[in-house]
């Protein structure tokens, strides 16, 4: 076989099947995809869609198209409705016919008696202070707020909140 034919065959065999597309720098690719330089480089490295020459990253047209496919949002799949648990007839019957449990009568009476004592003691204390001069609530002097005055303020506030005395 003549050498010229071998050379032509080698050139045909070694010729790239795809001609090289337009080559873009990272900055140009970022402008084209409307991303940041760093973002394009990061995606290119992650998915193997870039070339590197020293510190420069280069992107071909097909790389940019592939990156665009990577960025595409996947289609939304509708969620299936949640399955509801079936309540058996027996459980439903028990739930509907069960007696409602509450505090026992004796516990209620004890709590009620305790609250009544508290209410009466508070009313008596407030009545005792009725003729005294009213407290100066805006006074910030620590010497003014003796333990007796603090207690009086607490009880008056409690009585007003509970409606045991009229609010003033």
N, C-alpha and C. Protein backbone atom coordinates (compact mmCIF):
# COMPACT_ATOMS: atom_id res chain seq x y z
N UNK A 1 0.84 -1.16 0.00
CA UNK A 1 0.00 0.00 0.00
C UNK A 1 0.89 1.23 0.00
N UNK A 2 0.59 2.15 -0.89
CA UNK A 2 1.43 3.35 -0.96
C UNK A 2 1.29 4.18 0.31
N UNK A 3 2.33 4.91 0.61
CA UNK A 3 2.39 5.72 1.83
C UNK A 3 1.36 6.83 1.80
N UNK A 4 1.03 7.38 0.65
CA UNK A 4 0.05 8.47 0.55
C UNK A 4 -1.34 7.98 0.98
N UNK A 5 -1.69 6.77 0.58
CA UNK A 5 -3.00 6.23 0.94
C UNK A 5 -3.06 5.96 2.43
N UNK A 6 -1.99 5.46 3.00
CA UNK A 6 -1.93 5.20 4.45
C UNK A 6 -2.08 6.50 5.21
N UNK A 7 -1.40 7.56 4.70
CA UNK A 7 -1.51 8.86 5.36
C UNK A 7 -2.94 9.38 5.32
N UNK A 8 -3.60 9.24 4.20
CA UNK A 8 -4.98 9.72 4.06
C UNK A 8 -5.89 8.91 4.98
N UNK A 9 -5.70 7.60 5.04
CA UNK A 9 -6.51 6.76 5.93
C UNK A 9 -6.30 7.15 7.38
N UNK A 10 -5.06 7.41 7.77
CA UNK A 10 -4.79 7.82 9.16
C UNK A 10 -5.43 9.16 9.49
N UNK A 11 -5.40 10.09 8.53
CA UNK A 11 -6.03 11.39 8.76
C UNK A 11 -7.53 11.24 8.92
N UNK A 12 -8.14 10.39 8.11
CA UNK A 12 -9.58 10.16 8.20
C UNK A 12 -9.92 9.51 9.52
N UNK A 13 -9.14 8.53 9.92
CA UNK A 13 -9.40 7.83 11.18
C UNK A 13 -9.15 8.73 12.39
N UNK A 14 -8.19 9.61 12.31
CA UNK A 14 -7.85 10.45 13.45
C UNK A 14 -8.64 11.75 13.48
N UNK A 15 -9.36 12.05 12.41
CA UNK A 15 -10.13 13.30 12.37
C UNK A 15 -11.24 13.23 13.41
N UNK A 16 -11.47 14.31 14.13
CA UNK A 16 -12.53 14.28 15.15
C UNK A 16 -13.88 14.11 14.47
N UNK A 17 -14.70 13.30 15.08
CA UNK A 17 -16.02 13.05 14.51
C UNK A 17 -16.91 14.26 14.72
N UNK A 18 -16.77 14.96 15.83
CA UNK A 18 -17.54 16.18 16.08
C UNK A 18 -16.61 17.37 16.00
N UNK A 19 -16.89 18.30 15.14
CA UNK A 19 -16.03 19.48 15.10
C UNK A 19 -16.19 20.26 16.41
N UNK A 20 -15.12 20.92 16.80
CA UNK A 20 -15.12 21.66 18.05
C UNK A 20 -16.07 22.85 17.95
N UNK A 21 -16.97 22.95 18.93
CA UNK A 21 -17.93 24.06 18.97
C UNK A 21 -17.23 25.33 19.42
N UNK A 22 -18.03 26.36 19.57
CA UNK A 22 -17.51 27.62 20.11
C UNK A 22 -17.08 27.37 21.55
N UNK A 23 -15.96 27.93 21.93
CA UNK A 23 -15.43 27.77 23.30
C UNK A 23 -15.69 29.06 24.07
N UNK A 24 -16.20 28.91 25.29
CA UNK A 24 -16.52 30.06 26.14
C UNK A 24 -15.67 30.01 27.40
N UNK A 25 -15.28 31.18 27.88
CA UNK A 25 -14.62 31.26 29.19
C UNK A 25 -15.72 31.14 30.25
N UNK A 26 -15.31 31.02 31.49
CA UNK A 26 -16.27 30.90 32.59
C UNK A 26 -17.14 32.16 32.66
N UNK A 27 -16.54 33.31 32.44
CA UNK A 27 -17.28 34.57 32.49
C UNK A 27 -18.33 34.62 31.38
N UNK A 28 -17.94 34.22 30.17
CA UNK A 28 -18.89 34.23 29.05
C UNK A 28 -20.01 33.21 29.26
N UNK A 29 -19.63 32.05 29.77
CA UNK A 29 -20.63 31.01 30.03
C UNK A 29 -21.60 31.47 31.12
N UNK A 30 -21.08 32.16 32.13
CA UNK A 30 -21.93 32.66 33.21
C UNK A 30 -22.92 33.69 32.68
N UNK A 31 -22.46 34.57 31.82
CA UNK A 31 -23.36 35.56 31.22
C UNK A 31 -24.43 34.87 30.39
N UNK A 32 -24.02 33.87 29.64
CA UNK A 32 -24.96 33.17 28.75
C UNK A 32 -26.02 32.41 29.55
N UNK A 33 -25.62 31.80 30.67
CA UNK A 33 -26.57 31.05 31.50
C UNK A 33 -27.22 31.91 32.59
N UNK A 34 -26.76 33.16 32.69
CA UNK A 34 -27.24 34.10 33.71
C UNK A 34 -27.01 33.55 35.12
N UNK A 35 -25.79 33.10 35.34
CA UNK A 35 -25.34 32.62 36.64
C UNK A 35 -24.07 33.38 37.01
N UNK A 36 -23.53 33.07 38.18
CA UNK A 36 -22.25 33.66 38.56
C UNK A 36 -21.12 32.82 38.00
N UNK A 37 -19.94 33.41 37.92
CA UNK A 37 -18.76 32.67 37.44
C UNK A 37 -18.52 31.44 38.30
N UNK A 38 -18.53 31.67 39.60
CA UNK A 38 -18.25 30.58 40.54
C UNK A 38 -19.30 29.47 40.41
N UNK A 39 -20.57 29.86 40.21
CA UNK A 39 -21.64 28.87 40.08
C UNK A 39 -21.47 28.01 38.85
N UNK A 40 -21.09 28.63 37.74
CA UNK A 40 -20.88 27.86 36.49
C UNK A 40 -19.71 26.91 36.65
N UNK A 41 -18.64 27.39 37.25
CA UNK A 41 -17.45 26.54 37.45
C UNK A 41 -17.80 25.37 38.37
N UNK A 42 -18.52 25.66 39.43
CA UNK A 42 -18.88 24.63 40.41
C UNK A 42 -19.73 23.55 39.75
N UNK A 43 -20.75 23.96 38.98
CA UNK A 43 -21.59 22.99 38.29
C UNK A 43 -20.80 22.21 37.24
N UNK A 44 -19.95 22.91 36.51
CA UNK A 44 -19.15 22.26 35.48
C UNK A 44 -18.24 21.19 36.08
N UNK A 45 -17.61 21.51 37.20
CA UNK A 45 -16.73 20.53 37.86
C UNK A 45 -17.53 19.36 38.42
N UNK A 46 -18.69 19.67 39.00
CA UNK A 46 -19.51 18.63 39.64
C UNK A 46 -20.01 17.60 38.62
N UNK A 47 -20.43 18.06 37.46
CA UNK A 47 -21.00 17.17 36.46
C UNK A 47 -20.04 16.85 35.32
N UNK A 48 -18.78 17.29 35.41
CA UNK A 48 -17.80 16.99 34.38
C UNK A 48 -18.12 17.65 33.06
N UNK A 49 -18.62 18.87 33.11
CA UNK A 49 -19.03 19.57 31.90
C UNK A 49 -18.18 20.81 31.64
N UNK A 50 -16.90 20.69 31.87
CA UNK A 50 -16.01 21.81 31.58
C UNK A 50 -14.61 21.27 31.29
N UNK A 51 -13.79 22.12 30.75
CA UNK A 51 -12.38 21.78 30.52
C UNK A 51 -11.56 22.80 31.30
N UNK A 52 -10.33 22.40 31.61
CA UNK A 52 -9.51 23.29 32.41
C UNK A 52 -8.16 23.45 31.74
N UNK A 53 -7.74 24.71 31.70
CA UNK A 53 -6.42 25.00 31.17
C UNK A 53 -5.74 25.89 32.20
N UNK A 54 -4.92 25.30 33.04
CA UNK A 54 -4.29 26.06 34.13
C UNK A 54 -5.35 26.49 35.13
N UNK A 55 -5.51 27.81 35.28
CA UNK A 55 -6.52 28.33 36.20
C UNK A 55 -7.81 28.69 35.48
N UNK A 56 -7.82 28.54 34.18
CA UNK A 56 -8.99 28.93 33.39
C UNK A 56 -9.89 27.73 33.14
N UNK A 57 -11.18 27.96 33.28
CA UNK A 57 -12.17 26.93 32.96
C UNK A 57 -12.82 27.31 31.64
N UNK A 58 -12.94 26.33 30.75
CA UNK A 58 -13.49 26.57 29.42
C UNK A 58 -14.71 25.68 29.21
N UNK A 59 -15.68 26.21 28.47
CA UNK A 59 -16.94 25.50 28.25
C UNK A 59 -17.24 25.52 26.76
N UNK A 60 -17.65 24.36 26.23
CA UNK A 60 -18.07 24.30 24.82
C UNK A 60 -19.58 24.53 24.77
N UNK A 61 -20.09 24.68 23.57
CA UNK A 61 -21.53 24.88 23.39
C UNK A 61 -22.31 23.70 23.94
N UNK A 62 -21.81 22.49 23.70
CA UNK A 62 -22.50 21.29 24.20
C UNK A 62 -22.43 21.22 25.73
N UNK A 63 -21.33 21.72 26.33
CA UNK A 63 -21.24 21.79 27.79
C UNK A 63 -22.32 22.70 28.35
N UNK A 64 -22.51 23.84 27.70
CA UNK A 64 -23.53 24.79 28.17
C UNK A 64 -24.93 24.19 28.06
N UNK A 65 -25.19 23.48 26.97
CA UNK A 65 -26.49 22.83 26.82
C UNK A 65 -26.71 21.76 27.89
N UNK A 66 -25.64 21.02 28.19
CA UNK A 66 -25.75 19.99 29.23
C UNK A 66 -25.95 20.63 30.60
N UNK A 67 -25.25 21.74 30.86
CA UNK A 67 -25.45 22.45 32.13
C UNK A 67 -26.88 22.96 32.24
N UNK A 68 -27.42 23.44 31.14
CA UNK A 68 -28.80 23.93 31.14
C UNK A 68 -29.76 22.79 31.49
N UNK A 69 -29.49 21.59 30.99
CA UNK A 69 -30.34 20.45 31.33
C UNK A 69 -30.22 20.08 32.82
N UNK A 70 -29.02 20.25 33.36
CA UNK A 70 -28.82 19.97 34.79
C UNK A 70 -29.65 20.94 35.63
N UNK A 71 -29.74 22.19 35.18
CA UNK A 71 -30.45 23.22 35.94
C UNK A 71 -31.97 23.11 35.84
N UNK A 72 -32.46 22.33 34.89
CA UNK A 72 -33.92 22.26 34.70
C UNK A 72 -34.61 21.66 35.92
N UNK A 73 -35.78 22.19 36.22
CA UNK A 73 -36.58 21.73 37.36
C UNK A 73 -37.30 20.44 36.96
N UNK A 74 -37.27 19.41 37.82
CA UNK A 74 -37.99 18.19 37.48
C UNK A 74 -39.50 18.43 37.56
N UNK A 75 -40.30 17.69 36.80
CA UNK A 75 -41.75 17.89 36.84
C UNK A 75 -42.30 17.49 38.21
N UNK A 76 -43.33 18.20 38.62
CA UNK A 76 -43.94 17.90 39.92
C UNK A 76 -44.87 16.71 39.78
N UNK A 77 -44.77 15.81 40.73
CA UNK A 77 -45.62 14.64 40.75
C UNK A 77 -46.68 14.89 41.81
N UNK A 78 -47.96 14.76 41.49
CA UNK A 78 -48.98 15.01 42.52
C UNK A 78 -48.86 14.01 43.65
N UNK A 79 -49.10 14.50 44.87
CA UNK A 79 -49.02 13.62 46.04
C UNK A 79 -50.27 12.76 46.10
N UNK A 80 -50.07 11.54 46.54
CA UNK A 80 -51.20 10.65 46.72
C UNK A 80 -51.94 11.02 48.00
N UNK A 81 -53.25 10.89 48.03
CA UNK A 81 -53.98 11.22 49.26
C UNK A 81 -53.59 10.23 50.36
N UNK A 82 -53.51 10.76 51.58
CA UNK A 82 -53.13 9.92 52.71
C UNK A 82 -54.26 8.95 53.03
N UNK A 83 -53.89 7.73 53.35
CA UNK A 83 -54.89 6.72 53.71
C UNK A 83 -55.36 6.98 55.13
N UNK A 84 -56.66 6.91 55.34
CA UNK A 84 -57.21 7.13 56.67
C UNK A 84 -57.43 5.78 57.35
N UNK A 85 -57.12 5.74 58.64
CA UNK A 85 -57.28 4.51 59.40
C UNK A 85 -58.77 4.27 59.65
N UNK A 86 -59.15 3.03 59.61
CA UNK A 86 -60.54 2.66 59.85
C UNK A 86 -60.73 2.42 61.34
N UNK A 87 -61.78 3.01 61.90
CA UNK A 87 -62.08 2.80 63.32
C UNK A 87 -63.09 1.66 63.39
N UNK A 88 -62.77 0.67 64.20
CA UNK A 88 -63.67 -0.47 64.29
C UNK A 88 -64.96 -0.06 65.01
N UNK A 89 -66.02 -0.82 64.77
CA UNK A 89 -67.31 -0.53 65.38
C UNK A 89 -67.24 -0.62 66.89
N UNK A 90 -66.51 -1.59 67.39
CA UNK A 90 -66.41 -1.77 68.84
C UNK A 90 -65.70 -0.57 69.48
N UNK A 91 -64.61 -0.15 68.89
CA UNK A 91 -63.87 1.00 69.43
C UNK A 91 -64.72 2.27 69.37
N UNK A 92 -65.45 2.46 68.28
CA UNK A 92 -66.33 3.61 68.15
C UNK A 92 -67.44 3.56 69.20
N UNK A 93 -68.02 2.40 69.41
CA UNK A 93 -69.08 2.24 70.41
C UNK A 93 -68.54 2.58 71.80
N UNK A 94 -67.35 2.07 72.12
CA UNK A 94 -66.76 2.34 73.45
C UNK A 94 -66.48 3.83 73.63
N UNK A 95 -65.99 4.47 72.57
CA UNK A 95 -65.67 5.90 72.67
C UNK A 95 -66.93 6.73 72.86
N UNK A 96 -68.01 6.34 72.21
CA UNK A 96 -69.24 7.12 72.30
C UNK A 96 -70.02 6.87 73.58
N UNK A 97 -69.89 5.68 74.16
CA UNK A 97 -70.69 5.35 75.35
C UNK A 97 -69.91 5.45 76.65
N UNK A 98 -68.62 5.73 76.59
CA UNK A 98 -67.81 5.80 77.81
C UNK A 98 -68.22 7.00 78.65
N UNK A 99 -68.19 6.82 79.97
CA UNK A 99 -68.50 7.93 80.86
C UNK A 99 -67.34 8.90 80.87
N UNK A 100 -67.69 10.16 80.88
CA UNK A 100 -66.66 11.19 80.94
C UNK A 100 -66.14 11.26 82.37
N UNK A 101 -64.84 11.16 82.51
CA UNK A 101 -64.24 11.20 83.84
C UNK A 101 -63.83 12.62 84.18
N UNK A 102 -64.13 13.02 85.34
CA UNK A 102 -63.76 14.34 85.83
C UNK A 102 -63.31 14.23 87.27
N UNK A 103 -63.00 15.37 87.89
CA UNK A 103 -62.59 15.28 89.29
C UNK A 103 -63.77 14.79 90.13
N UNK A 104 -63.45 14.00 91.11
CA UNK A 104 -64.49 13.49 92.00
C UNK A 104 -65.14 14.63 92.78
N UNK A 105 -66.32 14.35 93.26
CA UNK A 105 -67.08 15.36 93.99
C UNK A 105 -66.30 15.85 95.21
N UNK A 106 -65.66 14.95 95.92
CA UNK A 106 -64.93 15.35 97.14
C UNK A 106 -63.74 16.26 96.80
N UNK A 107 -63.07 15.94 95.70
CA UNK A 107 -61.94 16.77 95.29
C UNK A 107 -62.42 18.16 94.89
N UNK A 108 -63.56 18.21 94.18
CA UNK A 108 -64.13 19.48 93.77
C UNK A 108 -64.51 20.31 94.99
N UNK A 109 -65.14 19.65 95.98
CA UNK A 109 -65.57 20.37 97.20
C UNK A 109 -64.37 20.92 97.96
N UNK A 110 -63.29 20.12 98.03
CA UNK A 110 -62.09 20.58 98.75
C UNK A 110 -61.49 21.79 98.04
N UNK A 111 -61.40 21.73 96.72
CA UNK A 111 -60.85 22.86 95.95
C UNK A 111 -61.74 24.08 96.08
N UNK A 112 -63.04 23.86 96.03
CA UNK A 112 -63.98 24.97 96.13
C UNK A 112 -63.89 25.63 97.52
N UNK A 113 -63.76 24.81 98.57
CA UNK A 113 -63.65 25.36 99.92
C UNK A 113 -62.36 26.17 100.07
N UNK A 114 -61.29 25.65 99.51
CA UNK A 114 -60.00 26.35 99.56
C UNK A 114 -60.09 27.69 98.83
N UNK A 115 -60.71 27.69 97.66
CA UNK A 115 -60.86 28.93 96.90
C UNK A 115 -61.76 29.92 97.63
N UNK A 116 -62.78 29.40 98.31
CA UNK A 116 -63.68 30.27 99.06
C UNK A 116 -62.94 30.94 100.21
N UNK A 117 -62.10 30.17 100.91
CA UNK A 117 -61.29 30.73 102.00
C UNK A 117 -60.36 31.82 101.48
N UNK A 118 -59.72 31.56 100.37
CA UNK A 118 -58.82 32.53 99.77
C UNK A 118 -59.58 33.80 99.39
N UNK A 119 -60.74 33.61 98.78
CA UNK A 119 -61.56 34.75 98.37
C UNK A 119 -61.99 35.59 99.57
N UNK A 120 -62.45 34.92 100.63
CA UNK A 120 -62.91 35.64 101.82
C UNK A 120 -61.75 36.36 102.51
N UNK A 121 -60.58 35.71 102.61
CA UNK A 121 -59.41 36.34 103.24
C UNK A 121 -58.97 37.56 102.45
N UNK A 122 -58.99 37.44 101.12
CA UNK A 122 -58.58 38.57 100.28
C UNK A 122 -59.56 39.72 100.40
N UNK A 123 -60.86 39.41 100.38
CA UNK A 123 -61.87 40.46 100.53
C UNK A 123 -61.73 41.16 101.87
N UNK A 124 -61.48 40.40 102.95
CA UNK A 124 -61.32 40.99 104.29
C UNK A 124 -60.11 41.91 104.32
N UNK A 125 -58.99 41.46 103.69
CA UNK A 125 -57.78 42.28 103.69
C UNK A 125 -58.01 43.56 102.90
N UNK A 126 -58.70 43.46 101.78
CA UNK A 126 -58.96 44.64 100.96
C UNK A 126 -59.89 45.60 101.70
N UNK A 127 -60.90 45.05 102.41
CA UNK A 127 -61.81 45.90 103.21
C UNK A 127 -61.04 46.62 104.32
N UNK A 128 -60.05 45.95 104.90
CA UNK A 128 -59.25 46.55 105.97
C UNK A 128 -58.49 47.76 105.45
N UNK A 129 -58.05 47.71 104.18
CA UNK A 129 -57.25 48.79 103.61
C UNK A 129 -58.10 49.82 102.88
N UNK A 130 -59.40 49.62 102.87
CA UNK A 130 -60.28 50.50 102.10
C UNK A 130 -60.18 51.96 102.53
N UNK A 131 -60.08 52.20 103.86
CA UNK A 131 -60.03 53.57 104.38
C UNK A 131 -58.64 54.17 104.31
N UNK A 132 -57.62 53.33 104.10
CA UNK A 132 -56.25 53.84 104.00
C UNK A 132 -56.08 54.60 102.69
N UNK A 133 -55.02 55.40 102.64
CA UNK A 133 -54.74 56.11 101.39
C UNK A 133 -54.35 55.12 100.32
N UNK A 134 -54.71 55.39 99.06
CA UNK A 134 -54.37 54.44 97.99
C UNK A 134 -52.87 54.35 97.77
N UNK A 135 -52.44 53.20 97.27
CA UNK A 135 -51.02 52.99 97.00
C UNK A 135 -50.59 53.84 95.81
N UNK A 136 -49.35 54.32 95.88
CA UNK A 136 -48.77 55.08 94.77
C UNK A 136 -48.01 54.09 93.89
N UNK A 137 -48.68 53.58 92.86
CA UNK A 137 -48.09 52.53 92.02
C UNK A 137 -46.92 53.04 91.18
N UNK A 138 -46.83 54.34 90.97
CA UNK A 138 -45.74 54.87 90.16
C UNK A 138 -44.49 55.16 90.98
N UNK A 139 -44.55 54.98 92.29
CA UNK A 139 -43.41 55.24 93.16
C UNK A 139 -42.34 54.17 92.95
N UNK A 140 -41.13 54.60 92.64
CA UNK A 140 -40.02 53.68 92.38
C UNK A 140 -39.06 53.58 93.57
N UNK A 141 -39.36 54.25 94.63
CA UNK A 141 -38.48 54.26 95.80
C UNK A 141 -38.57 52.91 96.52
N UNK A 142 -37.45 52.19 96.66
CA UNK A 142 -37.49 50.88 97.32
C UNK A 142 -37.93 50.97 98.78
N UNK A 143 -37.67 52.09 99.44
CA UNK A 143 -38.06 52.23 100.84
C UNK A 143 -39.58 52.32 100.97
N UNK A 144 -40.26 52.82 99.94
CA UNK A 144 -41.72 52.95 99.98
C UNK A 144 -42.39 51.57 99.97
N UNK A 145 -41.80 50.65 99.21
CA UNK A 145 -42.42 49.34 99.04
C UNK A 145 -42.00 48.37 100.15
N UNK A 146 -42.62 48.53 101.29
CA UNK A 146 -42.41 47.63 102.42
C UNK A 146 -43.11 46.31 102.12
N UNK A 147 -42.78 45.26 102.87
CA UNK A 147 -43.46 43.97 102.63
C UNK A 147 -44.99 44.08 102.77
N UNK A 148 -45.47 44.91 103.69
CA UNK A 148 -46.92 45.07 103.86
C UNK A 148 -47.56 45.69 102.61
N UNK A 149 -46.90 46.73 102.07
CA UNK A 149 -47.44 47.38 100.88
C UNK A 149 -47.37 46.45 99.66
N UNK A 150 -46.30 45.65 99.56
CA UNK A 150 -46.20 44.68 98.47
C UNK A 150 -47.34 43.65 98.56
N UNK A 151 -47.61 43.18 99.75
CA UNK A 151 -48.69 42.21 99.95
C UNK A 151 -50.03 42.84 99.61
N UNK A 152 -50.24 44.09 100.06
CA UNK A 152 -51.49 44.80 99.77
C UNK A 152 -51.67 44.95 98.25
N UNK A 153 -50.61 45.31 97.55
CA UNK A 153 -50.70 45.47 96.10
C UNK A 153 -51.03 44.15 95.42
N UNK A 154 -50.40 43.07 95.87
CA UNK A 154 -50.66 41.75 95.30
C UNK A 154 -52.10 41.32 95.50
N UNK A 155 -52.60 41.51 96.72
CA UNK A 155 -53.97 41.08 97.01
C UNK A 155 -55.00 41.95 96.29
N UNK A 156 -54.75 43.26 96.20
CA UNK A 156 -55.68 44.13 95.48
C UNK A 156 -55.73 43.75 93.99
N UNK A 157 -54.56 43.47 93.43
CA UNK A 157 -54.50 43.07 92.02
C UNK A 157 -55.25 41.76 91.81
N UNK A 158 -55.07 40.79 92.71
CA UNK A 158 -55.75 39.51 92.61
C UNK A 158 -57.26 39.70 92.71
N UNK A 159 -57.70 40.54 93.64
CA UNK A 159 -59.14 40.76 93.83
C UNK A 159 -59.75 41.44 92.61
N UNK A 160 -59.01 42.36 91.99
CA UNK A 160 -59.52 43.03 90.79
C UNK A 160 -59.61 42.05 89.62
N UNK A 161 -58.59 41.21 89.47
CA UNK A 161 -58.60 40.23 88.37
C UNK A 161 -59.75 39.24 88.52
N UNK A 162 -60.01 38.81 89.73
CA UNK A 162 -61.05 37.82 89.96
C UNK A 162 -62.45 38.44 90.05
N UNK A 163 -62.51 39.77 90.09
CA UNK A 163 -63.81 40.43 90.15
C UNK A 163 -64.39 40.49 91.54
N UNK A 164 -63.57 40.30 92.58
CA UNK A 164 -64.06 40.32 93.95
C UNK A 164 -64.28 41.75 94.42
N UNK A 165 -63.57 42.71 93.81
CA UNK A 165 -63.81 44.11 94.10
C UNK A 165 -63.90 44.84 92.78
N UNK A 166 -64.52 46.01 92.80
CA UNK A 166 -64.67 46.77 91.57
C UNK A 166 -63.33 47.32 91.15
N UNK A 167 -63.10 47.36 89.84
CA UNK A 167 -61.85 47.94 89.33
C UNK A 167 -61.93 49.44 89.42
N UNK A 168 -60.83 50.05 89.78
CA UNK A 168 -60.82 51.51 89.90
C UNK A 168 -59.86 52.11 88.91
